[in-house]
Amino acid sequence: MDGRMNLPSGTTMAGRTTAGSGGGPARDNPSRIEVEEMDASAPARVRAPMPSDSALGRKVRELRRSRGMTQKELASAVGVTGAQLHRYETGATRVAASRMIAIAEALGVRPDVLLESAAPEPVPVISAEASTGEDLLELIQLFSAIGDPKNRNAILAVARMMASTNPTGGGNGG
């Protein structure tokens, strides 16, 4: 046996190092672990939390506090550690659907209440009367040509302001 063990994640760990400074034979050394990738061609899957995960966590914290519960109490009711619940509330860890349902039940709300805060803002529908496809294409091309992020943000701020004062999307045809 060469001191390696297969891991379910597709990696191997070898606790080998050389003994002494003379480059003697290798021996097992539990204080040094070497991790090797078994299949380098397999794509790495990173499931990083999204902004919606943070929004969901904020809603959980808000509801928990409004009910006078501690993190430890809610964690116990849901079946996780206090540290894990903290990671849910800060958005550092994604919440599985089954866990979200358990959290909702422990808080006495429907699961959709938690999801409402995590849903992205709806994209406004552009009416055909408000603009032609050519107008939109030109706007996209011109906006893409602006290199300075500050100028792009200024244009977005003006567009948001104009859209909020005219929610129907209809222009004055100018």
Protein backbone atom coordinates (compact mmCIF):
# COMPACT_ATOMS: atom_id res chain seq x y z
CA MET A 1 0.00 0.00 0.00
CA ASP A 2 1.39 3.42 -0.92
CA GLY A 3 -0.31 5.43 1.87
CA ARG A 4 -3.12 6.74 -0.34
CA MET A 5 -6.84 6.45 0.15
CA ASN A 6 -9.63 7.17 -2.29
CA LEU A 7 -12.07 9.88 -1.31
CA PRO A 8 -15.63 10.20 -2.57
CA SER A 9 -14.89 13.65 -3.98
CA GLY A 10 -12.48 12.23 -6.55
CA THR A 11 -9.29 13.16 -4.73
CA THR A 12 -6.61 11.12 -3.03
CA MET A 13 -4.65 12.03 0.04
CA ALA A 14 -1.11 10.85 0.59
CA GLY A 15 0.55 11.36 3.94
CA ARG A 16 4.09 10.94 2.64
CA THR A 17 7.17 13.03 3.19
CA THR A 18 10.87 12.35 3.22
CA ALA A 19 12.50 11.47 6.52
CA GLY A 20 15.39 13.61 7.68
CA SER A 21 17.43 16.04 5.65
CA GLY A 22 19.40 13.39 3.81
CA GLY A 23 16.56 12.52 1.47
CA GLY A 24 16.02 9.11 3.02
CA PRO A 25 13.09 6.80 2.36
CA ALA A 26 9.53 8.11 2.42
CA ARG A 27 7.41 7.36 5.46
CA ASP A 28 3.84 8.07 6.53
CA ASN A 29 3.52 11.41 8.25
CA PRO A 30 0.01 12.29 9.45
CA SER A 31 1.00 15.93 10.00
CA ARG A 32 1.46 16.52 6.27
CA ILE A 33 -1.32 15.69 3.86
CA GLU A 34 -0.92 15.99 0.12
CA VAL A 35 -4.06 16.31 -1.96
CA GLU A 36 -4.02 15.26 -5.59
CA GLU A 37 -6.78 15.64 -8.14
CA MET A 38 -7.78 12.32 -9.71
CA ASP A 39 -9.58 13.69 -12.77
CA ALA A 40 -8.32 17.11 -13.80
CA SER A 41 -10.61 17.17 -16.85
CA ALA A 42 -13.77 17.17 -14.72
CA PRO A 43 -15.18 20.69 -14.29
CA ALA A 44 -15.11 22.06 -10.77
CA ARG A 45 -18.56 22.75 -9.32
CA VAL A 46 -18.68 25.82 -7.17
CA ARG A 47 -22.03 26.60 -5.64
CA ALA A 48 -21.36 30.02 -4.27
CA PRO A 49 -24.20 31.82 -2.52
CA MET A 50 -26.13 34.33 -4.61
CA PRO A 51 -27.67 37.68 -3.59
CA SER A 52 -31.00 35.87 -3.23
CA ASP A 53 -29.40 33.63 -0.58
CA SER A 54 -28.46 36.72 1.43
CA ALA A 55 -31.96 38.16 1.03
CA LEU A 56 -33.51 34.90 2.23
CA GLY A 57 -31.15 34.86 5.21
CA ARG A 58 -32.07 38.44 6.14
CA LYS A 59 -35.76 37.49 6.05
CA VAL A 60 -35.12 34.47 8.29
CA ARG A 61 -33.26 36.68 10.77
CA GLU A 62 -35.99 39.33 10.69
CA LEU A 63 -38.73 36.77 11.35
CA ARG A 64 -36.71 34.98 14.03
CA ARG A 65 -36.06 38.22 15.89
CA SER A 66 -39.69 39.36 15.57
CA ARG A 67 -40.71 36.13 17.30
CA GLY A 68 -38.17 36.60 20.08
CA MET A 69 -36.24 33.45 19.16
CA THR A 70 -32.49 33.04 19.50
CA GLN A 71 -30.41 31.50 16.75
CA LYS A 72 -29.85 28.50 18.98
CA GLU A 73 -33.59 27.99 19.53
CA LEU A 74 -34.41 28.16 15.82
CA ALA A 75 -31.43 25.97 14.96
CA SER A 76 -32.60 23.34 17.42
CA ALA A 77 -36.13 23.43 16.04
CA VAL A 78 -34.81 23.00 12.49
CA GLY A 79 -32.17 20.38 13.32
CA VAL A 80 -28.98 22.29 12.54
CA THR A 81 -26.23 23.83 14.65
CA GLY A 82 -26.31 27.45 15.70
CA ALA A 83 -23.29 28.09 13.52
CA GLN A 84 -25.07 26.63 10.48
CA LEU A 85 -28.14 28.79 11.10
CA HIS A 86 -25.85 31.82 11.39
CA ARG A 87 -24.38 30.96 7.97
CA TYR A 88 -27.92 30.71 6.55
CA GLU A 89 -28.85 34.10 8.01
CA THR A 90 -25.76 35.84 6.69
CA GLY A 91 -26.12 34.25 3.26
CA ALA A 92 -22.76 32.51 3.55
CA THR A 93 -24.41 29.12 2.95
CA ARG A 94 -27.25 28.27 0.61
CA VAL A 95 -30.45 26.90 2.13
CA ALA A 96 -31.78 23.66 0.65
CA ALA A 97 -35.49 23.57 -0.16
CA SER A 98 -36.23 20.99 2.54
CA ARG A 99 -34.36 23.06 5.12
CA MET A 100 -36.16 26.22 4.03
CA ILE A 101 -39.50 24.48 4.55
CA ALA A 102 -38.39 23.39 8.04
CA ILE A 103 -37.27 26.95 8.85
CA ALA A 104 -40.60 28.34 7.63
CA GLU A 105 -42.53 25.83 9.76
CA ALA A 106 -40.43 26.65 12.84
CA LEU A 107 -41.11 30.36 12.26
CA GLY A 108 -44.83 29.77 11.68
CA VAL A 109 -44.91 31.12 8.12
CA ARG A 110 -45.44 29.64 4.68
CA PRO A 111 -42.23 28.98 2.70
CA ASP A 112 -43.28 31.49 0.03
CA VAL A 113 -42.97 34.25 2.65
CA LEU A 114 -39.25 33.50 2.82
CA LEU A 115 -38.96 33.37 -0.95
CA GLU A 116 -40.68 36.71 -1.56
CA SER A 117 -37.66 38.57 -0.24
CA ALA A 118 -35.26 36.48 -2.32
CA ALA A 119 -37.04 37.00 -5.64
CA PRO A 120 -35.33 39.39 -8.04
CA GLU A 121 -36.99 42.63 -9.03
CA PRO A 122 -39.38 42.07 -11.93
CA VAL A 123 -38.13 43.32 -15.26
CA PRO A 124 -40.46 45.94 -16.71
CA VAL A 125 -42.26 44.94 -19.88
CA ILE A 126 -41.60 47.22 -22.81
CA SER A 127 -44.68 47.95 -24.85
CA ALA A 128 -44.42 47.88 -28.63
CA GLU A 129 -45.95 51.35 -28.72
CA ALA A 130 -43.24 52.81 -26.51
CA SER A 131 -40.30 51.94 -28.70
CA THR A 132 -39.23 50.15 -31.81
CA GLY A 133 -36.67 47.40 -31.86
CA GLU A 134 -34.29 49.74 -33.69
CA ASP A 135 -34.45 52.25 -30.83
CA LEU A 136 -33.58 49.57 -28.31
CA LEU A 137 -30.75 48.21 -30.45
CA GLU A 138 -29.26 51.68 -30.84
CA LEU A 139 -29.57 52.33 -27.11
CA ILE A 140 -27.79 49.07 -26.30
CA GLN A 141 -25.02 49.80 -28.82
CA LEU A 142 -24.48 53.32 -27.51
CA PHE A 143 -24.52 52.20 -23.88
CA SER A 144 -22.02 49.43 -24.67
CA ALA A 145 -19.69 52.00 -26.23
CA ILE A 146 -19.46 53.96 -22.95
CA GLY A 147 -16.25 52.81 -21.29
CA ASP A 148 -16.32 54.80 -18.06
CA PRO A 149 -18.33 52.99 -15.32
CA LYS A 150 -19.22 56.32 -13.71
CA ASN A 151 -20.82 57.52 -16.94
CA ARG A 152 -22.69 54.22 -17.33
CA ASN A 153 -24.02 54.54 -13.78
CA ALA A 154 -25.09 58.12 -14.46
CA ILE A 155 -27.02 57.02 -17.56
CA LEU A 156 -28.66 54.22 -15.57
CA ALA A 157 -29.63 56.65 -12.81
CA VAL A 158 -31.24 59.01 -15.33
CA ALA A 159 -33.06 56.12 -17.02
CA ARG A 160 -34.36 54.83 -13.67
CA MET A 161 -35.52 58.29 -12.69
CA MET A 162 -37.30 58.80 -16.01
CA ALA A 163 -38.90 55.34 -15.83
CA SER A 164 -40.17 55.92 -12.30
CA THR A 165 -41.87 59.17 -13.28
CA ASN A 166 -43.52 57.46 -16.25
CA PRO A 167 -44.46 53.93 -15.10
CA THR A 168 -46.68 53.16 -18.12
CA GLY A 169 -43.63 53.06 -20.39
CA GLY A 170 -45.26 55.35 -22.92
CA GLY A 171 -43.10 58.15 -24.21
CA ASN A 172 -44.02 61.47 -25.71
CA GLY A 173 -43.00 60.19 -29.14
CA GLY A 174 -40.29 62.85 -29.61
